[in-house]
Amino acid sequence: MEGEDGDKQATKLLATKTSAQMYAERLTELAVAMGFDGWLINMEVDLVRAQVPVLEEFVSHLSQTMHSSLPGSLVIWYDSVTVDGFLDWQNKLNDKNKAFFDRCDGIFLNYSWEEEYAKQSADVAGDRKFDVYMGIDVFGRSTFGGGQWTTNVALDVIKKNNISAAIFAPGWVYETKQPPDFQTAQNRWWGLVEKSWGTVPKYPKLLPFYSNFDQGRGYHICIDGEQVFSTPWNNISSQGFQPLIEYPGDSPTQPIQVSVNLKEASYSGGGNIVFRGTLALKAEFTARLFQGELLLGNSPLHITYSVKSSENSMLGLALKTSSANNEKTSVFLAASENTSLTIMNQFSKVIMPHKVTNLGADQPGWVMQETSIQMKGQVLEEIRAVCYKSNPEKSSSSEYYAILGDIKITSSGQTPTFPPSSSWIVDGQFVNWTSDPKGSKHLSVKITWKLKDGNNAADIFTKYTIYVEKLTKEYEYIGVAAVQSYYISDLEVTAGTSSLKFIVQACGLDGACQKLEDSPFFLLQVQGLLYISRNKYEMEKCSRYKCGRILTIKTIGCSERLFYCCSVHGFSCNSENGDEKGYNGPKIMQKDDSVEVPTYKTRVVLRVVYMLLTVNLFILLVYMSSRLFLKYQK
């Protein structure tokens, strides 16, 4: 909270301890529903002294409810208002802000600290010194060390005093367009962090492990090596595990340049790792991909990765492991049996590929490498890429080029199983049709899905790919969801399309996805059209019926059901119970359903008969009324 609006919000929040507790509980419910990791409380407003105890109660109650409702969550206090009620950034932990620190999981200190403040804060925190986060503004605004390319100066001081760091706005690299390009500058900047603290994130830690190096943005999307989307996009929920590429510094001696690339062809998603440069005869080059902490068990380790490369450019993997007594082993997973002995002799063990598959015309140039290895009791500590040349004696060029598309690591018995389509409930909500002057329709709809048995699909699947099948009966890529719903906005439906079939393809932790033909789907009738089917689809205009008019439909092997023909929603089943009259949104109509609807000619005849009967009835009523009138007159 800050500014005039922040003053008003604070007054409402801190009106009473009851109101503070109520808002804390609502924030907890929101965090649980949205999957937040916790809350950062930033109260950059002045308070009256009487509001401070209420604020302390708010911080305490929010921490308690978050911990009970979302184990592992964090509530962090930002160094802002003090226990005196003044907005006065302290830049260190002291008696003016410790009351808030004591009631939550940590404090994010302001950026304008001095070198001795780190030790002073650690001393005040005592055994909670790791809960103190010294702030660093990467833009360098009044921050110790200057931020930017000297961010490591502050990190060095923080590490020396054995407390934590809060890095604000590392997007400085992107926002200020640091040269020579974003990926190179990004690796260089995070290299400062690694160099200062000597640590990087460690994965894999569990199996299965999968990464397609997707950064949640890109210029295309590929699935199994085939491009399905060619427009710039952003979807942060599509991010995969990122490789820990080491920044080589300014040395011109590195023969191969390694980078996450968003423009070269991908195997999965929108990212990949490109290796480009030159290699001397019988030379090899290795690059770190991941650092892990994976204890290997009795089952064999299965490693699969996709590669696209130029002639004679080979890409293998090196696994570095350690035993219980800290004995180090390096295992080379060769890309080809035609590998130089000079290269193989540098490793403790060499494993030839178990299976090499050229993926064919639909995925031009992609090769799938599959290898298995038994390393019981070993800890997988590092995975590296190994660049080398096949047939170096016959190669006339030193140029090297290869793309790593994805990597999957599993153990035996981890083959994913997907529930059949009938196990899901798929529905459409907020259906809205519009038309354009060209005769096309445009659809907006929210697709939702869940397992019928009530199990949490989030424990099984990491993402869902959404497709639509239109008139051509070909699958068109729509997008990716990390949750069990997806909103489709302004989808163009060309004239002549009778129905839309939205397919929800579940994907597992190992990157494998359900076959499209076995995936659950939602069938939506295009506005104004009605399916009449008996093992085939025909179309019948239903625009004559007003929205909400109920039609009686007889189905094979099923009780009589009621359907709506509506000018907004098209034709759809109203509910699972045929006698219910409430509209519950579009439902799927099965292909083997038989529908009895009068033909157009029959309806015309019936309308004429109806009109004649109505006229005759009116004449009869007039005649009878006149007779009665005359009778009473007499």
Foldseek 3Di string as FASTA:
>chain_A
DDDPVLVVVLCQCQVDLVSLLVVLLVVLVVCLVVVNLEEEDDNQDADALVSLVSVLSSLQNNQVSNCVSPPNHFYEYEQAAFNNRHGDQPLADDNRHVSSQVRTQAYEHDFQDDLCRLLVRLVVCDVSQQRYAREAELCQDNGPQRHPQRSLVVLLSNVVNPYHHDYPPPVCLVVVQDPDGSFLSVLNSVLSVCVRNVDDDADDADPWAKAQQDQQWAQFFAEQQATQGGHTDGGRLPGHDHFNWHNPPPDPPQFWDWTWDQPPRARGTRIWIKIWGFDDQLDKDKTFGGFHFYADAQFKKKKKWKKFWDAQKWKWKWWWKAAPVGDIFIEIEGRAPQHDPSVVVVGPYYWYFPDWDDPDDNNPRMIMTMTIGGDHRITGTTMMMMIDGGPSVPDPGRIIIMIIRMMTMHTPPPDDDDDFQVQKDKAKPPWFWDADPVGKIWIKIKIFMDGPVPDDCLVWFQKKWKWKQWDVRDTRTDGMGRDGMDIGGGHIHHPPTFKMKIFIWTAGNRRDIDDRVRTHIFIATDAQWDFAAALDTDTDGDVVDEFLDWDWWDWPPDDIAIWTAYNTRGIAGQDPDRVDSHRDHHGDDDRNTHGDDDDPVVVVVVVVVVVVVVVVVVVVVVVVVVVVVVVVVD
